Amino acid sequence: MILVLWDIDRTLVYVGDIDRLVYRTVFEEVVGRPPERLPAKGTGVTMPVAVKELLTVNGVPSEQVDSFARRIIGLMPGELERHRGKMLTEGLLLPGAAESLTAVRKSPRLLPSVVTGNLRASAEIKLSTFDLIGLVDPAVGGYASDDPHRPALVGVAQGRAGAAYEHFFDRSNTVIVGDSLEDVRTGREGGARVIGVASGTTSAADLADAGADHVISDLTDPLQLLRLIGPGAE
C-alpha cells in the first residue's frame, strides 16, 4: 500500500484571491484596522505561519502576535465558508485534478489523503466545494491545525493512516503530490517522495532543483502519475 498525500491549493484547485480576502477580513476584525500588506501568493507555508507573518509585517506588537494569531486562526474557516459560491465563480478546478484523484482512488494499492498548509476545516471546505472530498480520506491527512511546521505533517498523516489501515508507512511508501517548494521541503524533511506539479507559481526547473523526485507539468495524464507513484499503482 502507498500513501498518496495531495496538496490542495494550486495543485488541485485555485481559489483566486479568496484566501487573501479571508486574511484581510479576519485581520481587520481582530486587529481593528485593515492590513497594509498580505501574505505572498502560492508559497505553500502553513496558515499559522502566514498569520504570524501577516501580523508582524503589519506592525502588530510582538507581545500581541500570539494571542491575535490564535483568534484569527479560529475565525478563518468560518469566513472561508461564507465564500463557497465565490470560490466556484472566481476559482477553478485545475486541469486533470478530478481525473487524477479518481485514478488514485480507484487503485487498490493506493491510499489517497491530504497534506496541506490549510487548517483541516478550511481544507475540507475547499475539497467539498469542488466535489473532491469523496476522492480522499481526509481523516488520515496532515493539516496546519495539527502542526504549523509543515514537514511534521507527513508523520501525522503516516501515523493516522497506519492506525486506521493497520499498515506501516514511511518514506518508502509515502508520496506527496504538490506544486510548491514547501511541498518539496515537506517531503524531503518529513519522510516522503515528492511528485512536483508545475501548476502553481513554481517552475518545473525550480521544483526539480529543490529535490522533487519527479516533476510533471500538470495532472492531465493520470496514467503517467500512477506510473510515477510506483510499481503496481496502475
C-alpha atoms as a PDB file:
ATOM      1  CA  MET A   1       0.000   0.000   0.000  1.00  0.00           C
ATOM      2  CA  ILE A   2       1.228   3.511  -0.857  1.00  0.00           C
ATOM      3  CA  LEU A   3       0.023   6.609   0.965  1.00  0.00           C
ATOM      4  CA  VAL A   4      -0.569   9.430  -1.541  1.00  0.00           C
ATOM      5  CA  LEU A   5      -0.746  12.834   0.130  1.00  0.00           C
ATOM      6  CA  TRP A   6      -2.229  15.570  -2.019  1.00  0.00           C
ATOM      7  CA  ASP A   7      -1.551  19.251  -1.633  1.00  0.00           C
ATOM      8  CA  ILE A   8      -4.673  21.326  -2.351  1.00  0.00           C
ATOM      9  CA  ASP A   9      -4.046  24.922  -3.421  1.00  0.00           C
ATOM     10  CA  ARG A  10      -2.664  25.312  -6.958  1.00  0.00           C
ATOM     11  CA  THR A  11      -2.265  21.542  -7.172  1.00  0.00           C
ATOM     12  CA  LEU A  12      -5.937  20.526  -7.234  1.00  0.00           C
ATOM     13  CA  VAL A  13      -7.821  23.809  -7.072  1.00  0.00           C
ATOM     14  CA  TYR A  14      -7.213  27.524  -7.452  1.00  0.00           C
ATOM     15  CA  VAL A  15      -9.383  29.825  -5.347  1.00  0.00           C
ATOM     16  CA  GLY A  16      -8.199  33.147  -6.737  1.00  0.00           C
ATOM     17  CA  ASP A  17      -7.894  35.904  -4.155  1.00  0.00           C
ATOM     18  CA  ILE A  18     -10.368  34.364  -1.724  1.00  0.00           C
ATOM     19  CA  ASP A  19      -7.736  33.248   0.796  1.00  0.00           C
ATOM     20  CA  ARG A  20      -6.320  36.769   0.772  1.00  0.00           C
ATOM     21  CA  LEU A  21      -9.826  38.174   1.227  1.00  0.00           C
ATOM     22  CA  VAL A  22     -10.233  35.916   4.262  1.00  0.00           C
ATOM     23  CA  TYR A  23      -6.905  37.086   5.715  1.00  0.00           C
ATOM     24  CA  ARG A  24      -7.868  40.724   5.154  1.00  0.00           C
ATOM     25  CA  THR A  25     -11.356  40.415   6.635  1.00  0.00           C
ATOM     26  CA  VAL A  26     -10.362  38.465   9.742  1.00  0.00           C
ATOM     27  CA  PHE A  27      -7.274  40.612  10.381  1.00  0.00           C
ATOM     28  CA  GLU A  28      -9.434  43.729  10.397  1.00  0.00           C
ATOM     29  CA  GLU A  29     -11.994  42.088  12.673  1.00  0.00           C
ATOM     30  CA  VAL A  30      -9.360  41.078  15.232  1.00  0.00           C
ATOM     31  CA  VAL A  31      -6.843  43.926  14.995  1.00  0.00           C
ATOM     32  CA  GLY A  32      -9.319  46.733  14.357  1.00  0.00           C
ATOM     33  CA  ARG A  33      -7.749  48.089  11.162  1.00  0.00           C
ATOM     34  CA  PRO A  34      -7.166  46.752   7.647  1.00  0.00           C
ATOM     35  CA  PRO A  35      -3.787  45.221   6.842  1.00  0.00           C
ATOM     36  CA  GLU A  36      -1.458  47.175   4.583  1.00  0.00           C
ATOM     37  CA  ARG A  37       0.323  44.012   3.399  1.00  0.00           C
ATOM     38  CA  LEU A  38      -0.961  40.485   2.776  1.00  0.00           C
ATOM     39  CA  PRO A  39       0.816  37.102   2.589  1.00  0.00           C
ATOM     40  CA  ALA A  40       2.600  36.257  -0.648  1.00  0.00           C
ATOM     41  CA  LYS A  41       0.703  34.036  -3.071  1.00  0.00           C
ATOM     42  CA  GLY A  42       1.495  30.392  -3.727  1.00  0.00           C
ATOM     43  CA  THR A  43       4.228  29.892  -1.140  1.00  0.00           C
ATOM     44  CA  GLY A  44       2.717  26.809   0.484  1.00  0.00           C
ATOM     45  CA  VAL A  45       3.530  27.873   4.042  1.00  0.00           C
ATOM     46  CA  THR A  46       1.069  26.817   6.722  1.00  0.00           C
ATOM     47  CA  MET A  47      -1.715  29.176   7.730  1.00  0.00           C
ATOM     48  CA  PRO A  48      -0.431  29.658  11.309  1.00  0.00           C
ATOM     49  CA  VAL A  49       2.963  30.722   9.936  1.00  0.00           C
ATOM     50  CA  ALA A  50       1.328  33.014   7.377  1.00  0.00           C
ATOM     51  CA  VAL A  51      -0.888  34.589  10.030  1.00  0.00           C
ATOM     52  CA  LYS A  52       2.036  35.396  12.315  1.00  0.00           C
ATOM     53  CA  GLU A  53       3.940  36.871   9.379  1.00  0.00           C
ATOM     54  CA  LEU A  54       0.840  38.899   8.469  1.00  0.00           C
ATOM     55  CA  LEU A  55       0.632  40.329  11.974  1.00  0.00           C
ATOM     56  CA  THR A  56       4.343  41.079  12.166  1.00  0.00           C
ATOM     57  CA  VAL A  57       4.669  42.849   8.795  1.00  0.00           C
ATOM     58  CA  ASN A  58       1.626  44.941   9.613  1.00  0.00           C
ATOM     59  CA  GLY A  59       3.167  46.334  12.767  1.00  0.00           C
ATOM     60  CA  VAL A  60       1.346  44.388  15.467  1.00  0.00           C
ATOM     61  CA  PRO A  61       3.468  44.498  18.659  1.00  0.00           C
ATOM     62  CA  SER A  62       5.318  41.242  19.256  1.00  0.00           C
ATOM     63  CA  GLU A  63       3.665  40.688  22.635  1.00  0.00           C
ATOM     64  CA  GLN A  64       0.243  40.612  20.925  1.00  0.00           C
ATOM     65  CA  VAL A  65       1.110  38.410  17.956  1.00  0.00           C
ATOM     66  CA  ASP A  66       0.407  35.023  19.573  1.00  0.00           C
ATOM     67  CA  SER A  67      -2.969  35.976  21.043  1.00  0.00           C
ATOM     68  CA  PHE A  68      -4.104  37.729  17.868  1.00  0.00           C
ATOM     69  CA  ALA A  69      -2.903  34.782  15.772  1.00  0.00           C
ATOM     70  CA  ARG A  70      -4.993  32.325  17.804  1.00  0.00           C
ATOM     71  CA  ARG A  71      -8.089  34.477  17.324  1.00  0.00           C
ATOM     72  CA  ILE A  72      -7.515  34.923  13.600  1.00  0.00           C
ATOM     73  CA  ILE A  73      -6.875  31.212  13.041  1.00  0.00           C
ATOM     74  CA  GLY A  74     -10.067  30.376  14.906  1.00  0.00           C
ATOM     75  CA  LEU A  75     -12.123  32.649  12.658  1.00  0.00           C
ATOM     76  CA  MET A  76     -10.639  31.736   9.291  1.00  0.00           C
ATOM     77  CA  PRO A  77     -12.639  28.584   8.418  1.00  0.00           C
ATOM     78  CA  GLY A  78     -15.935  30.295   9.170  1.00  0.00           C
ATOM     79  CA  GLU A  79     -15.003  33.243   6.971  1.00  0.00           C
ATOM     80  CA  LEU A  80     -13.911  30.906   4.171  1.00  0.00           C
ATOM     81  CA  GLU A  81     -17.237  29.071   4.440  1.00  0.00           C
ATOM     82  CA  ARG A  82     -19.016  32.312   3.581  1.00  0.00           C
ATOM     83  CA  HIS A  83     -17.272  32.377   0.203  1.00  0.00           C
ATOM     84  CA  ARG A  84     -18.121  28.929  -1.183  1.00  0.00           C
ATOM     85  CA  GLY A  85     -20.099  30.464  -4.030  1.00  0.00           C
ATOM     86  CA  LYS A  86     -17.303  32.904  -4.865  1.00  0.00           C
ATOM     87  CA  MET A  87     -14.834  30.014  -4.946  1.00  0.00           C
ATOM     88  CA  LEU A  88     -16.837  28.399  -7.712  1.00  0.00           C
ATOM     89  CA  THR A  89     -17.209  31.596  -9.745  1.00  0.00           C
ATOM     90  CA  GLU A  90     -13.726  33.066  -9.227  1.00  0.00           C
ATOM     91  CA  GLY A  91     -11.725  29.887  -8.673  1.00  0.00           C
ATOM     92  CA  LEU A  92     -11.333  26.729 -10.692  1.00  0.00           C
ATOM     93  CA  LEU A  93     -10.696  23.033 -10.546  1.00  0.00           C
ATOM     94  CA  LEU A  94      -7.278  22.592 -12.128  1.00  0.00           C
ATOM     95  CA  PRO A  95      -6.959  20.543 -15.342  1.00  0.00           C
ATOM     96  CA  GLY A  96      -6.840  16.819 -14.708  1.00  0.00           C
ATOM     97  CA  ALA A  97      -7.286  17.128 -10.952  1.00  0.00           C
ATOM     98  CA  ALA A  98     -10.552  15.207 -10.693  1.00  0.00           C
ATOM     99  CA  GLU A  99      -9.380  12.543 -13.149  1.00  0.00           C
ATOM    100  CA  SER A 100      -6.055  12.014 -11.368  1.00  0.00           C
ATOM    101  CA  LEU A 101      -7.709  11.917  -7.955  1.00  0.00           C
ATOM    102  CA  THR A 102     -10.186   9.360  -9.277  1.00  0.00           C
ATOM    103  CA  ALA A 103      -7.414   7.205 -10.751  1.00  0.00           C
ATOM    104  CA  VAL A 104      -5.534   7.185  -7.452  1.00  0.00           C
ATOM    105  CA  ARG A 105      -8.718   6.482  -5.502  1.00  0.00           C
ATOM    106  CA  LYS A 106      -9.570   3.504  -7.726  1.00  0.00           C
ATOM    107  CA  SER A 107      -6.165   1.856  -7.424  1.00  0.00           C
ATOM    108  CA  PRO A 108      -6.372  -0.905  -4.787  1.00  0.00           C
ATOM    109  CA  ARG A 109      -2.767  -0.298  -3.685  1.00  0.00           C
ATOM    110  CA  LEU A 110      -3.101   3.454  -3.138  1.00  0.00           C
ATOM    111  CA  LEU A 111      -4.470   5.314  -0.123  1.00  0.00           C
ATOM    112  CA  PRO A 112      -5.208   8.957  -1.017  1.00  0.00           C
ATOM    113  CA  SER A 113      -5.306  11.678   1.612  1.00  0.00           C
ATOM    114  CA  VAL A 114      -4.069  15.238   2.120  1.00  0.00           C
ATOM    115  CA  VAL A 115      -1.043  17.101   3.437  1.00  0.00           C
ATOM    116  CA  THR A 116      -1.640  20.840   3.332  1.00  0.00           C
ATOM    117  CA  GLY A 117      -0.837  24.205   4.811  1.00  0.00           C
ATOM    118  CA  ASN A 118      -4.582  24.712   5.285  1.00  0.00           C
ATOM    119  CA  LEU A 119      -6.357  24.140   8.556  1.00  0.00           C
ATOM    120  CA  ARG A 120      -8.363  20.924   8.387  1.00  0.00           C
ATOM    121  CA  ALA A 121     -11.695  22.748   8.354  1.00  0.00           C
ATOM    122  CA  SER A 122     -10.514  25.033   5.542  1.00  0.00           C
ATOM    123  CA  ALA A 123      -9.138  22.089   3.559  1.00  0.00           C
ATOM    124  CA  GLU A 124     -12.439  20.243   3.800  1.00  0.00           C
ATOM    125  CA  ILE A 125     -14.378  23.350   2.718  1.00  0.00           C
ATOM    126  CA  LYS A 126     -12.234  23.693  -0.412  1.00  0.00           C
ATOM    127  CA  LEU A 127     -12.369  19.998  -1.293  1.00  0.00           C
ATOM    128  CA  SER A 128     -16.113  19.731  -0.752  1.00  0.00           C
ATOM    129  CA  THR A 129     -16.826  22.942  -2.685  1.00  0.00           C
ATOM    130  CA  PHE A 130     -15.223  21.381  -5.769  1.00  0.00           C
ATOM    131  CA  ASP A 131     -16.742  17.911  -5.097  1.00  0.00           C
ATOM    132  CA  LEU A 132     -13.348  16.327  -4.402  1.00  0.00           C
ATOM    133  CA  ILE A 133     -13.656  15.312  -0.784  1.00  0.00           C
ATOM    134  CA  GLY A 134     -15.030  11.873  -1.629  1.00  0.00           C
ATOM    135  CA  LEU A 135     -11.827  11.104  -3.552  1.00  0.00           C
ATOM    136  CA  VAL A 136      -9.565  11.261  -0.479  1.00  0.00           C
ATOM    137  CA  ASP A 137      -9.710  10.051   3.106  1.00  0.00           C
ATOM    138  CA  PRO A 138      -9.475  13.374   4.985  1.00  0.00           C
ATOM    139  CA  ALA A 139      -9.443  11.647   8.378  1.00  0.00           C
ATOM    140  CA  VAL A 140      -5.874  10.423   7.871  1.00  0.00           C
ATOM    141  CA  GLY A 141      -4.396  13.628   6.446  1.00  0.00           C
ATOM    142  CA  GLY A 142      -1.959  16.138   7.912  1.00  0.00           C
ATOM    143  CA  TYR A 143      -3.100  19.729   8.382  1.00  0.00           C
ATOM    144  CA  ALA A 144      -1.782  23.064   9.617  1.00  0.00           C
ATOM    145  CA  SER A 145      -4.164  22.721  12.541  1.00  0.00           C
ATOM    146  CA  ASP A 146      -2.069  19.719  13.627  1.00  0.00           C
ATOM    147  CA  ASP A 147       1.314  21.457  13.493  1.00  0.00           C
ATOM    148  CA  PRO A 148       2.488  24.759  11.947  1.00  0.00           C
ATOM    149  CA  HIS A 149       5.750  23.072  10.871  1.00  0.00           C
ATOM    150  CA  ARG A 150       4.771  21.593   7.543  1.00  0.00           C
ATOM    151  CA  PRO A 151       7.295  18.711   7.344  1.00  0.00           C
ATOM    152  CA  ALA A 152       5.864  17.374  10.621  1.00  0.00           C
ATOM    153  CA  LEU A 153       2.540  16.823   8.868  1.00  0.00           C
ATOM    154  CA  VAL A 154       3.913  13.849   6.930  1.00  0.00           C
ATOM    155  CA  GLY A 155       4.448  11.947  10.156  1.00  0.00           C
ATOM    156  CA  VAL A 156       0.999  12.981  11.375  1.00  0.00           C
ATOM    157  CA  ALA A 157      -0.597  11.545   8.233  1.00  0.00           C
ATOM    158  CA  GLN A 158       1.553   8.412   8.292  1.00  0.00           C
ATOM    159  CA  GLY A 159       0.596   7.765  11.892  1.00  0.00           C
ATOM    160  CA  ARG A 160      -3.102   8.282  11.284  1.00  0.00           C
ATOM    161  CA  ALA A 161      -3.105   6.175   8.129  1.00  0.00           C
ATOM    162  CA  GLY A 162      -1.118   3.436   9.846  1.00  0.00           C
ATOM    163  CA  ALA A 163      -3.572   3.265  12.735  1.00  0.00           C
ATOM    164  CA  ALA A 164      -6.644   3.354  10.509  1.00  0.00           C
ATOM    165  CA  TYR A 165      -5.470   0.879   7.895  1.00  0.00           C
ATOM    166  CA  GLU A 166      -3.126  -1.289  10.001  1.00  0.00           C
ATOM    167  CA  HIS A 167      -0.194  -0.687   7.709  1.00  0.00           C
ATOM    168  CA  PHE A 168       3.204   0.903   8.338  1.00  0.00           C
ATOM    169  CA  PHE A 169       4.023   3.998   6.298  1.00  0.00           C
ATOM    170  CA  ASP A 170       7.418   5.649   5.881  1.00  0.00           C
ATOM    171  CA  ARG A 171       9.406   7.320   3.103  1.00  0.00           C
ATOM    172  CA  SER A 172       9.448   4.129   1.038  1.00  0.00           C
ATOM    173  CA  ASN A 173       5.668   4.047   0.623  1.00  0.00           C
ATOM    174  CA  THR A 174       4.559   7.682   1.006  1.00  0.00           C
ATOM    175  CA  VAL A 175       4.275  10.153  -1.876  1.00  0.00           C
ATOM    176  CA  ILE A 176       3.385  13.852  -1.842  1.00  0.00           C
ATOM    177  CA  VAL A 177       1.857  15.427  -4.942  1.00  0.00           C
ATOM    178  CA  GLY A 178       2.257  19.200  -4.781  1.00  0.00           C
ATOM    179  CA  ASP A 179       3.146  22.380  -6.626  1.00  0.00           C
ATOM    180  CA  SER A 180       5.357  24.426  -4.299  1.00  0.00           C
ATOM    181  CA  LEU A 181       8.853  24.444  -2.870  1.00  0.00           C
ATOM    182  CA  GLU A 182       7.228  23.884   0.525  1.00  0.00           C
ATOM    183  CA  ASP A 183       5.738  20.636  -0.779  1.00  0.00           C
ATOM    184  CA  VAL A 184       9.208  19.509  -1.814  1.00  0.00           C
ATOM    185  CA  ARG A 185      10.697  20.515   1.534  1.00  0.00           C
ATOM    186  CA  THR A 186       7.856  18.798   3.351  1.00  0.00           C
ATOM    187  CA  GLY A 187       8.629  15.521   1.645  1.00  0.00           C
ATOM    188  CA  ARG A 188      12.401  15.721   1.903  1.00  0.00           C
ATOM    189  CA  GLU A 189      12.403  16.682   5.583  1.00  0.00           C
ATOM    190  CA  GLY A 190       9.232  14.876   6.631  1.00  0.00           C
ATOM    191  CA  GLY A 191       9.786  11.499   5.020  1.00  0.00           C
ATOM    192  CA  ALA A 192       8.065  11.155   1.640  1.00  0.00           C
ATOM    193  CA  ARG A 193       8.905  11.064  -2.023  1.00  0.00           C
ATOM    194  CA  VAL A 194       7.644  14.086  -3.973  1.00  0.00           C
ATOM    195  CA  ILE A 195       5.983  14.436  -7.354  1.00  0.00           C
ATOM    196  CA  GLY A 196       6.143  18.115  -8.198  1.00  0.00           C
ATOM    197  CA  VAL A 197       3.386  19.587 -10.345  1.00  0.00           C
ATOM    198  CA  ALA A 198       4.266  22.819 -12.149  1.00  0.00           C
ATOM    199  CA  SER A 199       0.709  24.139 -11.929  1.00  0.00           C
ATOM    200  CA  GLY A 200       1.405  26.888  -9.401  1.00  0.00           C
ATOM    201  CA  THR A 201       3.882  29.728  -9.104  1.00  0.00           C
ATOM    202  CA  THR A 202       6.968  27.456  -9.069  1.00  0.00           C
ATOM    203  CA  SER A 203       8.542  26.325 -12.327  1.00  0.00           C
ATOM    204  CA  ALA A 204       9.285  22.718 -13.195  1.00  0.00           C
ATOM    205  CA  ALA A 205      13.011  23.511 -13.134  1.00  0.00           C
ATOM    206  CA  ASP A 206      12.803  25.004  -9.650  1.00  0.00           C
ATOM    207  CA  LEU A 207      10.832  22.031  -8.341  1.00  0.00           C
ATOM    208  CA  ALA A 208      13.465  19.680  -9.732  1.00  0.00           C
ATOM    209  CA  ASP A 209      16.335  21.762  -8.368  1.00  0.00           C
ATOM    210  CA  ALA A 210      14.702  21.723  -4.926  1.00  0.00           C
ATOM    211  CA  GLY A 211      14.775  17.925  -4.924  1.00  0.00           C
ATOM    212  CA  ALA A 212      11.433  16.688  -6.214  1.00  0.00           C
ATOM    213  CA  ASP A 213      11.762  13.045  -7.231  1.00  0.00           C
ATOM    214  CA  HIS A 214       9.694  13.631 -10.355  1.00  0.00           C
ATOM    215  CA  VAL A 215       8.167  16.720 -11.953  1.00  0.00           C
ATOM    216  CA  ILE A 216       5.147  16.901 -14.259  1.00  0.00           C
ATOM    217  CA  SER A 217       3.609  19.932 -15.925  1.00  0.00           C
ATOM    218  CA  ASP A 218       0.039  19.225 -14.771  1.00  0.00           C
ATOM    219  CA  LEU A 219      -2.344  16.418 -13.805  1.00  0.00           C
ATOM    220  CA  THR A 220      -3.855  15.778 -17.226  1.00  0.00           C
ATOM    221  CA  ASP A 221      -2.213  12.349 -17.647  1.00  0.00           C
ATOM    222  CA  PRO A 222      -3.443  10.142 -14.772  1.00  0.00           C
ATOM    223  CA  LEU A 223      -1.610   7.078 -16.092  1.00  0.00           C
ATOM    224  CA  GLN A 224       1.690   8.956 -16.040  1.00  0.00           C
ATOM    225  CA  LEU A 225       1.004   9.990 -12.461  1.00  0.00           C
ATOM    226  CA  LEU A 226       0.249   6.403 -11.448  1.00  0.00           C
ATOM    227  CA  ARG A 227       3.477   5.185 -13.022  1.00  0.00           C
ATOM    228  CA  LEU A 228       5.461   7.801 -11.103  1.00  0.00           C
ATOM    229  CA  ILE A 229       3.755   6.941  -7.812  1.00  0.00           C
ATOM    230  CA  GLY A 230       5.115   3.423  -8.008  1.00  0.00           C
ATOM    231  CA  PRO A 231       5.032  -0.098  -9.460  1.00  0.00           C
ATOM    232  CA  GLY A 232       1.618  -1.690  -9.329  1.00  0.00           C
ATOM    233  CA  ALA A 233      -0.240   1.590  -8.869  1.00  0.00           C
ATOM    234  CA  GLU A 234      -1.823   1.396 -12.329  1.00  0.00           C
END
